[in-house]
Amino acid sequence: MLVFLAYVSKPIWEEPVQQLVPSSIWESIHSTVDLVMENEEIQLTLEHLQKQLYSLFIQPNQSQLELNDRNIEKPPLPLVIPEERLFSIHNIQLGDTRSEVEEKTGASPKRTTINEYGVTWNAYHEDYHNFIMVAYDERDIVLGLYTNQDLIASKTEIQLGSPMELVQEHLGTPESYLRKGFTNYQIDSSEYDMFHLDNSYVTFFYDQHEYHNVTAVKVIDEKLEQGKKKYYTEPSQDLQEGLEYQLFDLTNASRVNHQLPILTWDENVRETSRKHSLDMAENYFFSHNNLDGKTPFERMEEDNIPFNMAGENLAYGQTSSVFAHEGLMNSIGHRENILQKDFRYLGVGVAFNNESHPYYTKKFFNN
């Protein structure tokens, strides 16, 4: 606790103490605080404590209450067992047409962004309720589906919240590797299972903090998956923006699942996030503190972003925003940021290293 108080109050005491204390003692104090802060687990703990301290002084204003009003529970969507495919999402199956999708969703997509397959994810939702992402081919035929909400229907008993054991009982042994070009990439994760069935690749994601139950599903046409010859997609500005907005949308869909207010996109903090992702990608490190020792909060202050409380999530190496989000939800400190009830704004910044590996930085705050 003493280190925490020393750390969060450092801007107040640093200069006066340096003037009063002999340099040898000052250097010992300074190096002790910095050495402790290099431990990432301690960083996450202190970040959590700092958010709690800030929140003591925050009272919800009218606009925040109005944001909560947007989260009124929606009636459940009646789901129909699919006839042609093993699984459907929002009563939509691979092979359906765009017109059929938009008839069932009742609207055009809220957002269209490039994904790792070189096609677009089209996000459909009602203030992030009934959230799905749909990928189409050039003829507007459905090639991909994703949801992290209770929209899964199946000829099996599998649905959102089903235990991992039930999934494996019905679908058998999951894939142990995924072939890209001439390379086999091993799949060894307790966070998800991938199955090659029904002319598609079906990935079930599990919530490690909720008894390894199904928390999301992604269904990709086998030709689309096999057409992706490299494990990591060649970077582009469109892909960078796509991963950023997709991670933002996935975060809000998860918050709705937990009856929390949705977050507002902030362009300024996105730039702060991008700079940190690029710094990590170019200088080969992965940490909340940069190589100059500056914290996430100090970097926000440098960019003149006012905040009462803030948090940062980092991810590295996941091939897509979906895998990055599901991984963050299974990391307790990052999960707490995603589900922090007092946050109101979010910006996401992505950058790639010279091997096309993406770095993701998410900055949450309230001002």
Protein backbone atom coordinates (compact mmCIF):
# COMPACT_ATOMS: atom_id res chain seq x y z
CA MET A 1 0.00 0.00 0.00
CA LEU A 2 2.91 2.37 0.77
CA VAL A 3 4.34 1.74 -2.71
CA PHE A 4 0.89 2.36 -4.21
CA LEU A 5 0.55 5.72 -2.42
CA ALA A 6 4.09 6.65 -3.39
CA TYR A 7 3.38 5.76 -7.02
CA VAL A 8 0.05 7.52 -7.54
CA SER A 9 1.24 10.65 -5.70
CA LYS A 10 4.64 10.71 -7.43
CA PRO A 11 3.93 13.91 -9.46
CA ILE A 12 3.23 15.74 -6.16
CA TRP A 13 6.23 14.65 -4.08
CA GLU A 14 8.90 13.94 -6.68
CA GLU A 15 10.32 17.45 -7.22
CA PRO A 16 10.16 18.74 -3.59
CA VAL A 17 11.69 15.54 -2.19
CA GLN A 18 14.47 15.62 -4.78
CA GLN A 19 15.41 19.09 -3.58
CA LEU A 20 15.42 18.19 0.14
CA VAL A 21 16.85 14.65 0.21
CA PRO A 22 20.52 13.80 -0.50
CA SER A 23 21.01 12.42 -4.01
CA SER A 24 22.15 8.96 -2.84
CA ILE A 25 19.00 8.47 -0.76
CA TRP A 26 16.80 9.98 -3.48
CA GLU A 27 18.19 7.57 -6.08
CA SER A 28 17.48 4.64 -3.74
CA ILE A 29 13.86 5.74 -3.22
CA HIS A 30 13.33 6.39 -6.93
CA SER A 31 14.86 3.07 -8.02
CA THR A 32 12.83 1.11 -5.43
CA VAL A 33 9.53 2.50 -6.70
CA ASP A 34 10.55 1.97 -10.34
CA LEU A 35 11.78 -1.60 -9.69
CA VAL A 36 8.48 -2.58 -8.09
CA MET A 37 6.56 -1.01 -10.97
CA GLU A 38 8.38 -3.16 -13.54
CA ASN A 39 6.40 -6.20 -12.33
CA GLU A 40 3.36 -6.48 -14.65
CA GLU A 41 1.16 -8.17 -12.03
CA ILE A 42 1.86 -5.29 -9.66
CA GLN A 43 1.11 -2.83 -12.46
CA LEU A 44 -2.35 -4.37 -12.96
CA THR A 45 -3.01 -4.40 -9.21
CA LEU A 46 -1.97 -0.77 -8.78
CA GLU A 47 -4.00 0.22 -11.83
CA HIS A 48 -7.05 -1.44 -10.24
CA LEU A 49 -6.44 0.33 -6.90
CA GLN A 50 -5.95 3.64 -8.64
CA LYS A 51 -9.27 3.27 -10.48
CA GLN A 52 -11.00 2.48 -7.19
CA LEU A 53 -9.45 5.56 -5.56
CA TYR A 54 -10.57 7.79 -8.42
CA SER A 55 -14.07 6.33 -8.35
CA LEU A 56 -14.56 7.48 -4.75
CA PHE A 57 -14.77 11.04 -6.08
CA ILE A 58 -17.01 10.37 -9.07
CA GLN A 59 -20.75 10.89 -9.01
CA PRO A 60 -22.78 9.83 -12.04
CA ASN A 61 -24.12 12.80 -13.96
CA GLN A 62 -27.27 13.00 -16.03
CA SER A 63 -25.58 12.01 -19.30
CA GLN A 64 -24.16 8.88 -17.63
CA LEU A 65 -27.62 7.96 -16.36
CA GLU A 66 -28.96 8.41 -19.88
CA LEU A 67 -26.30 6.00 -21.16
CA ASN A 68 -27.57 3.43 -18.68
CA ASP A 69 -31.07 3.94 -20.06
CA ARG A 70 -29.83 2.66 -23.44
CA ASN A 71 -29.29 -0.73 -21.84
CA ILE A 72 -32.93 -1.61 -21.29
CA GLU A 73 -33.28 -5.38 -21.63
CA LYS A 74 -34.40 -6.48 -25.09
CA PRO A 75 -36.89 -9.32 -25.50
CA PRO A 76 -35.18 -12.61 -26.41
CA LEU A 77 -35.04 -13.41 -30.11
CA PRO A 78 -37.02 -16.57 -30.99
CA LEU A 79 -34.46 -19.03 -32.36
CA VAL A 80 -35.27 -21.73 -34.91
CA ILE A 81 -33.33 -25.00 -35.24
CA PRO A 82 -31.44 -24.79 -38.57
CA GLU A 83 -32.46 -27.23 -41.29
CA GLU A 84 -29.47 -27.15 -43.65
CA ARG A 85 -26.54 -26.49 -41.31
CA LEU A 86 -25.51 -27.77 -37.91
CA PHE A 87 -25.45 -24.25 -36.43
CA SER A 88 -27.14 -20.93 -37.06
CA ILE A 89 -26.61 -17.53 -35.48
CA HIS A 90 -29.55 -15.12 -35.22
CA ASN A 91 -31.37 -17.67 -37.42
CA ILE A 92 -28.74 -17.05 -40.13
CA GLN A 93 -26.68 -19.84 -41.70
CA LEU A 94 -23.68 -20.02 -44.00
CA GLY A 95 -24.99 -19.79 -47.56
CA ASP A 96 -27.79 -17.33 -46.79
CA THR A 97 -27.96 -14.13 -48.82
CA ARG A 98 -27.42 -10.58 -47.61
CA SER A 99 -31.09 -9.78 -48.24
CA GLU A 100 -32.12 -12.72 -46.04
CA VAL A 101 -29.74 -11.53 -43.32
CA GLU A 102 -31.06 -7.98 -43.38
CA GLU A 103 -34.64 -9.16 -43.41
CA LYS A 104 -33.93 -11.15 -40.21
CA THR A 105 -31.92 -8.40 -38.53
CA GLY A 106 -34.33 -5.69 -39.69
CA ALA A 107 -31.55 -3.28 -40.65
CA SER A 108 -28.38 -2.60 -42.61
CA PRO A 109 -25.08 -3.17 -40.79
CA LYS A 110 -24.07 -0.60 -38.19
CA ARG A 111 -20.44 -0.92 -39.25
CA THR A 112 -18.48 -2.59 -42.06
CA THR A 113 -14.75 -3.20 -41.60
CA ILE A 114 -12.01 -5.35 -43.12
CA ASN A 115 -11.11 -8.52 -41.22
CA GLU A 116 -8.18 -10.95 -41.24
CA TYR A 117 -9.66 -12.93 -44.14
CA GLY A 118 -9.58 -9.96 -46.50
CA VAL A 119 -13.36 -9.67 -46.54
CA THR A 120 -15.52 -7.48 -44.32
CA TRP A 121 -17.18 -8.07 -41.00
CA ASN A 122 -20.62 -6.47 -41.09
CA ALA A 123 -21.82 -5.72 -37.54
CA TYR A 124 -25.57 -5.89 -36.91
CA HIS A 125 -27.10 -4.97 -33.54
CA GLU A 126 -29.57 -2.78 -31.65
CA ASP A 127 -27.44 -0.72 -29.27
CA TYR A 128 -25.26 -3.86 -29.09
CA HIS A 129 -28.15 -6.16 -28.23
CA ASN A 130 -28.57 -9.11 -30.65
CA PHE A 131 -24.99 -8.50 -31.76
CA ILE A 132 -23.62 -10.48 -34.70
CA MET A 133 -20.88 -10.06 -37.29
CA VAL A 134 -21.45 -11.42 -40.79
CA ALA A 135 -18.94 -11.87 -43.64
CA TYR A 136 -20.06 -12.04 -47.28
CA ASP A 137 -18.43 -13.04 -50.55
CA GLU A 138 -18.56 -10.93 -53.72
CA ARG A 139 -22.05 -12.32 -54.47
CA ASP A 140 -23.35 -11.32 -51.01
CA ILE A 141 -23.49 -14.91 -49.78
CA VAL A 142 -22.75 -15.49 -46.09
CA LEU A 143 -19.26 -16.95 -45.55
CA GLY A 144 -18.72 -16.14 -41.88
CA LEU A 145 -20.66 -15.59 -38.66
CA TYR A 146 -19.81 -14.58 -35.11
CA THR A 147 -21.69 -13.77 -31.91
CA ASN A 148 -21.00 -13.57 -28.20
CA GLN A 149 -24.69 -13.38 -27.29
CA ASP A 150 -27.54 -15.83 -26.85
CA LEU A 151 -28.24 -16.22 -30.57
CA ILE A 152 -26.88 -19.74 -31.21
CA ALA A 153 -29.27 -22.43 -32.45
CA SER A 154 -28.24 -25.99 -33.28
CA LYS A 155 -29.42 -29.49 -34.06
CA THR A 156 -27.33 -30.42 -31.00
CA GLU A 157 -27.93 -29.25 -27.43
CA ILE A 158 -25.11 -26.69 -27.72
CA GLN A 159 -25.97 -23.07 -26.97
CA LEU A 160 -24.46 -20.04 -25.27
CA GLY A 161 -23.46 -21.10 -21.76
CA SER A 162 -23.07 -24.80 -22.58
CA PRO A 163 -20.13 -26.46 -20.81
CA MET A 164 -17.02 -27.35 -22.81
CA GLU A 165 -17.60 -31.03 -22.05
CA LEU A 166 -20.99 -30.93 -23.78
CA VAL A 167 -19.47 -29.31 -26.88
CA GLN A 168 -16.80 -32.00 -27.11
CA GLU A 169 -19.32 -34.76 -26.42
CA HIS A 170 -21.44 -33.68 -29.39
CA LEU A 171 -18.70 -32.61 -31.80
CA GLY A 172 -15.88 -34.99 -30.94
CA THR A 173 -12.18 -34.21 -30.75
CA PRO A 174 -11.29 -30.64 -31.77
CA GLU A 175 -8.61 -29.84 -34.35
CA SER A 176 -5.06 -29.98 -33.00
CA TYR A 177 -3.53 -27.84 -35.75
CA LEU A 178 -4.50 -25.43 -38.53
CA ARG A 179 -2.68 -25.60 -41.86
CA LYS A 180 -1.65 -22.36 -43.56
CA GLY A 181 0.33 -22.75 -46.78
CA PHE A 182 2.99 -25.37 -46.08
CA THR A 183 2.95 -24.87 -42.32
CA ASN A 184 0.86 -26.53 -39.62
CA TYR A 185 0.09 -24.23 -36.68
CA GLN A 186 -0.61 -26.07 -33.46
CA ILE A 187 -3.84 -25.33 -31.61
CA ASP A 188 -3.18 -25.75 -27.91
CA SER A 189 -5.52 -23.57 -25.87
CA SER A 190 -7.99 -24.07 -23.05
CA GLU A 191 -9.77 -20.91 -24.18
CA TYR A 192 -11.30 -22.32 -27.37
CA ASP A 193 -11.89 -25.40 -29.52
CA MET A 194 -11.95 -25.44 -33.33
CA PHE A 195 -13.89 -28.12 -35.23
CA HIS A 196 -13.76 -28.84 -38.97
CA LEU A 197 -17.28 -29.98 -39.80
CA ASP A 198 -20.25 -29.21 -42.02
CA ASN A 199 -17.93 -27.71 -44.70
CA SER A 200 -16.88 -25.07 -42.19
CA TYR A 201 -14.56 -24.30 -39.29
CA VAL A 202 -16.54 -23.79 -36.09
CA THR A 203 -14.71 -22.24 -33.14
CA PHE A 204 -16.25 -22.25 -29.67
CA PHE A 205 -14.76 -19.85 -27.13
CA TYR A 206 -14.94 -20.66 -23.42
CA ASP A 207 -15.18 -18.36 -20.41
CA GLN A 208 -12.52 -19.51 -17.96
CA HIS A 209 -14.12 -17.43 -15.21
CA GLU A 210 -17.56 -19.00 -15.78
CA TYR A 211 -16.81 -22.74 -15.53
CA HIS A 212 -15.42 -23.01 -19.09
CA ASN A 213 -18.86 -22.46 -20.59
CA VAL A 214 -19.44 -21.31 -24.18
CA THR A 215 -19.13 -17.53 -24.35
CA ALA A 216 -18.95 -17.04 -28.15
CA VAL A 217 -18.89 -18.88 -31.47
CA LYS A 218 -17.34 -18.18 -34.87
CA VAL A 219 -18.35 -20.11 -38.01
CA ILE A 220 -16.20 -19.72 -41.15
CA ASP A 221 -16.73 -21.35 -44.54
CA GLU A 222 -13.92 -23.84 -45.16
CA LYS A 223 -12.94 -22.27 -48.50
CA LEU A 224 -12.57 -18.87 -46.85
CA GLU A 225 -10.43 -20.32 -44.04
CA GLN A 226 -8.30 -22.42 -46.37
CA GLY A 227 -7.92 -19.46 -48.74
CA LYS A 228 -6.08 -17.58 -45.99
CA LYS A 229 -2.61 -18.92 -46.77
CA LYS A 230 -0.69 -17.09 -44.04
CA TYR A 231 -1.29 -17.24 -40.32
CA TYR A 232 -0.89 -13.47 -39.99
CA THR A 233 -2.55 -11.19 -42.51
CA GLU A 234 -0.47 -8.64 -44.41
CA PRO A 235 -0.91 -5.29 -42.60
CA SER A 236 -2.80 -2.40 -44.16
CA GLN A 237 -4.50 0.76 -42.93
CA ASP A 238 -7.89 -0.84 -43.61
CA LEU A 239 -6.98 -3.89 -41.51
CA GLN A 240 -5.61 -1.66 -38.73
CA GLU A 241 -8.87 0.29 -38.56
CA GLY A 242 -10.91 -2.88 -38.89
CA LEU A 243 -9.25 -4.55 -35.91
CA GLU A 244 -9.64 -1.38 -33.85
CA TYR A 245 -13.36 -0.88 -34.48
CA GLN A 246 -14.10 -4.59 -34.18
CA LEU A 247 -12.45 -4.73 -30.75
CA PHE A 248 -14.50 -1.70 -29.71
CA ASP A 249 -17.75 -3.32 -30.86
CA LEU A 250 -16.90 -6.65 -29.20
CA THR A 251 -16.24 -4.82 -25.93
CA ASN A 252 -19.64 -3.14 -26.01
CA ALA A 253 -21.41 -6.39 -26.89
CA SER A 254 -19.81 -7.98 -23.81
CA ARG A 255 -20.81 -5.05 -21.61
CA VAL A 256 -24.42 -5.40 -22.74
CA ASN A 257 -24.25 -9.07 -21.74
CA HIS A 258 -23.47 -7.89 -18.20
CA GLN A 259 -26.12 -5.12 -18.12
CA LEU A 260 -23.51 -2.34 -18.30
CA PRO A 261 -23.68 0.96 -20.19
CA ILE A 262 -22.09 0.95 -23.62
CA LEU A 263 -18.92 2.96 -24.20
CA THR A 264 -18.44 5.90 -26.55
CA TRP A 265 -15.59 5.87 -29.07
CA ASP A 266 -12.92 8.50 -28.39
CA GLU A 267 -10.70 9.49 -31.29
CA ASN A 268 -8.07 11.29 -29.20
CA VAL A 269 -7.37 8.35 -26.93
CA ARG A 270 -7.28 6.10 -29.98
CA GLU A 271 -4.24 8.05 -31.15
CA THR A 272 -2.62 7.64 -27.74
CA SER A 273 -3.32 3.90 -27.97
CA ARG A 274 -1.91 3.68 -31.48
CA LYS A 275 1.30 5.38 -30.42
CA HIS A 276 1.84 2.87 -27.62
CA SER A 277 1.09 -0.10 -29.90
CA LEU A 278 3.52 1.25 -32.49
CA ASP A 279 6.15 1.86 -29.80
CA MET A 280 5.87 -1.77 -28.66
CA ALA A 281 5.90 -3.11 -32.23
CA GLU A 282 8.95 -1.11 -33.29
CA ASN A 283 10.96 -1.57 -30.09
CA TYR A 284 10.11 -5.22 -29.32
CA PHE A 285 8.60 -4.93 -25.85
CA PHE A 286 5.20 -5.62 -24.32
CA SER A 287 4.33 -3.65 -21.20
CA HIS A 288 1.94 -1.04 -19.83
CA ASN A 289 4.94 1.17 -19.11
CA ASN A 290 7.00 2.28 -22.10
CA LEU A 291 10.78 2.11 -22.30
CA ASP A 292 11.01 5.58 -20.74
CA GLY A 293 9.05 4.32 -17.74
CA LYS A 294 5.94 6.36 -18.53
CA THR A 295 2.69 4.83 -17.33
CA PRO A 296 -0.59 4.65 -19.28
CA PHE A 297 -1.87 7.58 -17.20
CA GLU A 298 1.19 9.73 -17.84
CA ARG A 299 0.92 9.12 -21.59
CA MET A 300 -2.72 10.22 -21.52
CA GLU A 301 -1.76 13.38 -19.61
CA GLU A 302 0.95 14.08 -22.18
CA ASP A 303 -1.71 13.97 -24.90
CA ASN A 304 -3.97 16.34 -22.92
CA ILE A 305 -6.72 13.78 -22.38
CA PRO A 306 -8.65 14.70 -19.21
CA PHE A 307 -9.74 11.78 -17.05
CA ASN A 308 -10.92 10.98 -13.54
CA MET A 309 -10.28 7.26 -13.90
CA ALA A 310 -8.64 5.22 -16.61
CA GLY A 311 -7.50 1.73 -17.49
CA GLU A 312 -5.48 0.05 -20.22
CA ASN A 313 -5.69 -3.39 -21.84
CA LEU A 314 -2.92 -4.85 -23.99
CA ALA A 315 -2.86 -7.87 -26.26
CA TYR A 316 -0.21 -9.15 -28.64
CA GLY A 317 -0.02 -11.76 -31.37
CA GLN A 318 -3.68 -12.71 -31.73
CA THR A 319 -4.55 -13.00 -35.41
CA SER A 320 -7.84 -11.14 -35.07
CA SER A 321 -9.89 -8.85 -32.87
CA VAL A 322 -12.12 -11.81 -31.95
CA PHE A 323 -9.22 -13.83 -30.52
CA ALA A 324 -7.80 -10.73 -28.83
CA HIS A 325 -11.14 -9.94 -27.16
CA GLU A 326 -11.81 -13.48 -26.00
CA GLY A 327 -8.29 -13.68 -24.58
CA LEU A 328 -8.69 -10.40 -22.69
CA MET A 329 -12.00 -11.57 -21.24
CA ASN A 330 -10.16 -14.59 -19.80
CA SER A 331 -7.51 -12.40 -18.13
CA ILE A 332 -8.97 -11.20 -14.83
CA GLY A 333 -7.36 -7.73 -14.73
CA HIS A 334 -8.27 -6.98 -18.35
CA ARG A 335 -11.76 -8.41 -17.85
CA GLU A 336 -12.30 -5.99 -14.96
CA ASN A 337 -11.50 -3.08 -17.27
CA ILE A 338 -13.92 -4.34 -19.94
CA LEU A 339 -16.67 -4.74 -17.32
CA GLN A 340 -15.88 -1.63 -15.22
CA LYS A 341 -19.26 0.03 -14.71
CA ASP A 342 -17.87 3.58 -14.36
CA PHE A 343 -15.95 3.77 -17.64
CA ARG A 344 -17.65 5.79 -20.38
CA TYR A 345 -15.09 6.12 -23.21
CA LEU A 346 -12.82 3.78 -25.13
CA GLY A 347 -10.25 4.14 -27.87
CA VAL A 348 -8.39 1.23 -29.49
CA GLY A 349 -5.07 1.46 -31.29
CA VAL A 350 -3.43 -1.32 -33.33
CA ALA A 351 0.03 -1.52 -34.90
CA PHE A 352 2.01 -4.30 -36.57
CA ASN A 353 5.62 -5.37 -36.25
CA ASN A 354 7.78 -6.38 -39.21
CA GLU A 355 6.43 -9.95 -39.00
CA SER A 356 2.81 -8.75 -39.30
CA HIS A 357 2.05 -9.55 -35.66
CA PRO A 358 -0.58 -7.13 -34.30
CA TYR A 359 -0.27 -5.23 -31.02
CA TYR A 360 -3.54 -4.08 -29.47
CA THR A 361 -3.89 -1.22 -26.95
CA LYS A 362 -7.27 -0.36 -25.44
CA LYS A 363 -7.67 2.73 -23.28
CA PHE A 364 -10.76 3.17 -21.12
CA PHE A 365 -11.55 6.33 -19.16
CA ASN A 366 -14.13 8.59 -17.61
CA ASN A 367 -13.86 12.38 -17.41
